[in-house]
Amino acid sequence: MRLFGKKGKRVIDLSAHLEKQKEKSEQMKSFIKESQQQETNAFDFLGNLASSASSNSTTENSDSYVNVSENYEDKKTKLAKRLLDMTNKMEDLSNQIYHLQQRIELLERKFGIRN
């Protein structure tokens, strides 16, 4: 490919750089996983204490999550029904406009009026 009169024989290969970045990201992920495992092992007794305390609160909150999802589904169905009704009304109005145009054209022909 020629650009501004220069020959484009040189090709830059960035695949090696991309592979190095992938290796670095994999190393960082494994390092993060190892550090998280070490932290969890160091604080297991606190985690057990916190999980027993939070289990009581999650049972209370789980009921509210169910209500939210039910409300979401109700709203979703109401919205779908409303959109369907609006679409049907638009189609009816469009049909009425079309019929009125046809009647006007018929009357224009009948009376000899031309645009």
Protein backbone atom coordinates (compact mmCIF):
# COMPACT_ATOMS: atom_id res chain seq x y z
CA MET A 1 0.00 0.00 0.00
CA ARG A 2 1.34 3.40 -0.88
CA LEU A 3 0.66 6.40 1.25
CA PHE A 4 2.12 9.79 0.36
CA GLY A 5 4.52 8.25 -2.12
CA LYS A 6 6.18 5.86 0.32
CA LYS A 7 6.34 2.17 -0.25
CA GLY A 8 4.48 0.16 2.37
CA LYS A 9 6.72 -2.87 2.55
CA ARG A 10 7.24 -2.64 6.30
CA VAL A 11 4.77 -4.54 8.43
CA ILE A 12 4.46 -4.12 12.16
CA ASP A 13 3.54 -7.27 14.08
CA LEU A 14 1.84 -6.46 17.39
CA SER A 15 0.81 -10.00 18.21
CA ALA A 16 3.86 -10.55 20.46
CA HIS A 17 2.96 -7.44 22.45
CA LEU A 18 -0.63 -8.64 22.75
CA GLU A 19 0.52 -12.04 24.03
CA LYS A 20 2.73 -10.36 26.65
CA GLN A 21 -0.23 -8.30 27.84
CA LYS A 22 -2.38 -11.44 28.12
CA GLU A 23 0.32 -13.19 30.15
CA LYS A 24 0.65 -10.20 32.48
CA SER A 25 -3.12 -10.04 32.99
CA GLU A 26 -3.24 -13.78 33.75
CA GLN A 27 -0.41 -13.40 36.26
CA MET A 28 -2.21 -10.50 37.93
CA LYS A 29 -5.44 -12.52 38.13
CA SER A 30 -3.67 -15.47 39.73
CA PHE A 31 -1.87 -13.15 42.16
CA ILE A 32 -5.16 -11.53 43.15
CA LYS A 33 -6.81 -14.92 43.68
CA GLU A 34 -3.92 -16.07 45.87
CA SER A 35 -4.01 -12.92 47.97
CA GLN A 36 -7.77 -13.23 48.43
CA GLN A 37 -7.41 -16.83 49.54
CA GLN A 38 -4.74 -15.86 52.06
CA GLU A 39 -6.92 -13.08 53.45
CA THR A 40 -9.91 -15.39 53.82
CA ASN A 41 -7.79 -18.00 55.61
CA ALA A 42 -6.46 -15.38 58.01
CA PHE A 43 -9.90 -14.09 58.93
CA ASP A 44 -12.03 -17.24 58.83
CA PHE A 45 -13.21 -16.85 62.40
CA LEU A 46 -14.46 -13.32 61.66
CA GLY A 47 -16.13 -14.51 58.46
CA ASN A 48 -18.00 -17.24 60.31
CA LEU A 49 -19.15 -14.75 62.92
CA ALA A 50 -20.31 -12.28 60.28
CA SER A 51 -22.07 -14.93 58.20
CA SER A 52 -24.08 -16.16 61.19
CA ALA A 53 -25.14 -12.58 61.98
CA SER A 54 -25.98 -11.76 58.37
CA SER A 55 -28.00 -14.96 57.82
CA ASN A 56 -30.74 -13.59 60.06
CA SER A 57 -30.86 -10.28 58.21
CA THR A 58 -30.84 -11.91 54.75
CA THR A 59 -33.91 -13.97 55.52
CA GLU A 60 -35.76 -10.77 56.38
CA ASN A 61 -34.49 -9.00 53.26
CA SER A 62 -35.20 -11.91 50.90
CA ASP A 63 -38.95 -11.26 51.22
CA SER A 64 -38.50 -7.68 50.03
CA TYR A 65 -36.47 -8.89 47.03
CA VAL A 66 -39.33 -11.15 46.01
CA ASN A 67 -41.78 -8.25 46.26
CA VAL A 68 -39.55 -6.06 44.14
CA SER A 69 -39.29 -8.70 41.43
CA GLU A 70 -43.06 -9.25 41.49
CA ASN A 71 -43.62 -5.51 41.20
CA TYR A 72 -41.16 -5.44 38.33
CA GLU A 73 -43.02 -8.21 36.50
CA ASP A 74 -46.36 -6.47 37.09
CA LYS A 75 -45.00 -3.20 35.75
CA LYS A 76 -43.51 -4.99 32.78
CA THR A 77 -46.82 -6.64 31.86
CA LYS A 78 -48.72 -3.37 32.34
CA LEU A 79 -46.26 -1.57 30.10
CA ALA A 80 -46.52 -4.25 27.43
CA LYS A 81 -50.32 -4.06 27.52
CA ARG A 82 -50.24 -0.27 27.35
CA LEU A 83 -47.87 -0.32 24.37
CA LEU A 84 -50.10 -2.85 22.60
CA ASP A 85 -53.17 -0.68 23.19
CA MET A 86 -51.36 2.41 21.91
CA THR A 87 -50.22 0.55 18.80
CA ASN A 88 -53.75 -0.63 18.10
CA LYS A 89 -55.12 2.90 18.51
CA MET A 90 -52.50 4.26 16.14
CA GLU A 91 -53.42 1.64 13.53
CA ASP A 92 -57.12 2.50 13.89
CA LEU A 93 -56.40 6.22 13.50
CA SER A 94 -54.21 5.53 10.50
CA ASN A 95 -57.02 3.52 8.89
CA GLN A 96 -59.50 6.30 9.59
CA ILE A 97 -57.21 8.88 7.99
CA TYR A 98 -56.79 6.67 4.94
CA HIS A 99 -60.57 6.25 4.55
CA LEU A 100 -61.10 10.01 4.93
CA GLN A 101 -58.52 10.66 2.21
CA GLN A 102 -60.28 8.20 -0.06
CA ARG A 103 -63.63 9.93 0.55
CA ILE A 104 -62.13 13.34 -0.16
CA GLU A 105 -60.64 12.09 -3.42
CA LEU A 106 -64.02 10.61 -4.39
CA LEU A 107 -65.79 13.91 -3.66
CA GLU A 108 -63.15 15.82 -5.61
CA ARG A 109 -63.71 13.57 -8.61
CA LYS A 110 -67.45 13.87 -8.25
CA PHE A 111 -67.41 17.68 -8.24
CA GLY A 112 -64.62 17.99 -10.76
CA ILE A 113 -62.18 19.67 -8.40
CA ARG A 114 -58.53 19.11 -9.21
CA ASN A 115 -55.50 20.10 -7.19
